[in-house]
Protein backbone atom coordinates (compact mmCIF):
# COMPACT_ATOMS: atom_id res chain seq x y z
CA GLN A 1 11.42 -10.01 18.94
CA VAL A 2 7.66 -10.25 18.61
CA GLN A 3 5.58 -13.29 17.72
CA LEU A 4 2.02 -13.33 16.41
CA VAL A 5 0.06 -16.56 16.69
CA GLU A 6 -3.30 -17.02 14.97
CA SER A 7 -5.98 -19.52 15.96
CA GLY A 8 -9.60 -20.34 15.18
CA GLY A 9 -9.44 -21.22 11.50
CA GLY A 10 -10.95 -24.28 9.90
CA LEU A 11 -13.73 -25.54 7.67
CA VAL A 12 -17.16 -23.95 7.72
CA GLN A 13 -20.23 -24.16 5.49
CA PRO A 14 -21.42 -21.20 3.43
CA GLY A 15 -23.49 -18.88 5.58
CA GLY A 16 -21.68 -19.99 8.70
CA SER A 17 -19.53 -18.09 11.17
CA LEU A 18 -15.99 -18.31 12.43
CA THR A 19 -13.87 -16.23 14.80
CA LEU A 20 -10.14 -15.80 14.33
CA SER A 21 -7.85 -14.80 17.18
CA CYS A 22 -4.32 -13.48 17.14
CA ALA A 23 -2.13 -12.99 20.19
CA ALA A 24 1.12 -11.05 20.22
CA SER A 25 3.94 -11.92 22.59
CA GLY A 26 7.56 -10.99 23.13
CA SER A 27 9.22 -7.60 23.47
CA ILE A 28 6.12 -5.45 23.23
CA GLY A 29 6.04 -1.84 24.28
CA THR A 30 3.21 -0.34 22.30
CA ILE A 31 1.05 -1.81 19.56
CA ASN A 32 -0.46 0.67 17.17
CA ASN A 33 -2.32 -0.86 14.25
CA MET A 34 -3.45 -4.50 14.24
CA ALA A 35 -4.92 -6.01 11.13
CA TRP A 36 -6.06 -9.09 9.28
CA TYR A 37 -4.99 -9.84 5.72
CA ARG A 38 -5.87 -12.78 3.52
CA GLN A 39 -4.42 -14.53 0.52
CA ALA A 40 -6.34 -16.90 -1.70
CA PRO A 41 -4.59 -19.30 -4.10
CA GLY A 42 -3.26 -17.42 -7.10
CA LYS A 43 -4.07 -14.03 -5.63
CA GLU A 44 -2.12 -11.36 -3.81
CA ARG A 45 -2.36 -10.80 -0.09
CA GLY A 46 -4.82 -8.04 0.71
CA LEU A 47 -6.22 -6.18 3.70
CA VAL A 48 -9.40 -7.53 5.27
CA ALA A 49 -9.78 -5.33 8.34
CA SER A 50 -7.69 -3.21 10.68
CA ILE A 51 -8.05 -1.51 14.06
CA ASN A 52 -5.73 1.01 15.66
CA ARG A 53 -5.02 1.53 19.33
CA TYR A 54 -7.75 4.14 19.57
CA GLY A 55 -10.36 1.69 18.27
CA SER A 56 -10.73 3.14 14.81
CA ARG A 57 -11.65 0.40 12.34
CA ASP A 58 -11.26 0.00 8.61
CA TYR A 59 -12.72 -2.75 6.40
CA ALA A 60 -12.31 -3.96 2.87
CA ASP A 61 -15.50 -3.39 0.90
CA PHE A 62 -16.07 -7.10 0.36
CA VAL A 63 -16.43 -7.80 4.11
CA LYS A 64 -18.35 -4.75 5.28
CA GLY A 65 -21.43 -5.78 7.22
CA ARG A 66 -20.22 -9.37 7.57
CA PHE A 67 -16.91 -9.19 9.45
CA THR A 68 -16.08 -7.37 12.69
CA VAL A 69 -12.57 -6.64 13.92
CA SER A 70 -11.90 -6.04 17.62
CA ARG A 71 -8.94 -6.02 19.97
CA ASP A 72 -8.06 -6.54 23.60
CA SER A 73 -5.14 -4.26 24.33
CA ALA A 74 -4.55 -5.79 27.74
CA LYS A 75 -3.98 -9.16 26.06
CA ASN A 76 -2.21 -7.77 22.98
CA ALA A 77 -4.81 -9.60 20.92
CA VAL A 78 -6.92 -8.93 17.86
CA TYR A 79 -9.99 -10.83 16.72
CA LEU A 80 -11.94 -11.21 13.51
CA GLN A 81 -15.57 -12.27 13.80
CA MET A 82 -16.68 -13.56 10.40
CA ASN A 83 -20.38 -14.04 9.68
CA SER A 84 -22.31 -14.96 6.53
CA LEU A 85 -19.22 -16.61 5.12
CA LYS A 86 -19.01 -17.19 1.38
CA THR A 87 -16.95 -19.65 -0.63
CA GLU A 88 -14.90 -16.72 -1.92
CA ASP A 89 -13.77 -16.01 1.67
CA THR A 90 -11.65 -19.15 1.47
CA ALA A 91 -8.05 -18.09 2.01
CA VAL A 92 -5.11 -18.11 4.37
CA TYR A 93 -5.67 -15.34 6.90
CA TYR A 94 -2.71 -13.48 8.36
CA CYS A 95 -2.47 -11.36 11.47
CA ASN A 96 -0.40 -8.19 11.24
CA ALA A 97 0.73 -5.76 13.91
CA ASN A 98 2.71 -2.54 14.06
CA VAL A 99 4.75 -2.82 17.25
CA ASN A 100 7.23 -0.66 19.11
CA GLY A 101 9.35 -2.99 21.22
CA GLY A 102 11.65 -0.28 22.50
CA LEU A 103 13.93 -0.10 19.47
CA GLY A 104 11.50 1.58 17.14
CA TRP A 105 8.43 0.60 15.16
CA ALA A 106 8.34 -2.61 13.15
CA VAL A 107 5.68 -4.65 11.35
CA TYR A 108 5.19 -8.28 12.30
CA TRP A 109 3.21 -11.08 10.67
CA GLY A 110 1.70 -14.28 11.96
CA GLN A 111 2.29 -17.59 10.20
CA GLY A 112 -1.19 -17.62 8.68
CA ILE A 113 -4.22 -19.79 9.29
CA GLN A 114 -6.45 -21.53 6.76
CA VAL A 115 -10.13 -20.69 6.47
CA THR A 116 -12.12 -22.88 4.09
CA VAL A 117 -15.74 -22.16 3.26
CA SER A 118 -17.29 -25.12 1.52
CA SER A 119 -20.38 -27.29 1.58
């Protein structure tokens, strides 16, 4: 079993910055893709940013130039640096990882962490 635990959320003013962290633990062999998703009230969960084990990154159009995704493979961790935050970035942010724990590949989710952008 694999657990993903997010941290770093909270309340920030528009224009401010916040960094989210996600650490994976448990029966981890190889982690391929790690990603951040978000879900705002009344909306579907959608991809924010992803990074694979080779360092290739992908971003949703609405965060390009503002958010940066990175990972530390030695720590099985992924990070999301969020700058120039807008009120519309308010959402629950979820960490996601594609993990092979020895019994095949599976997708795991964190419990989610609230990010609120408000003055």
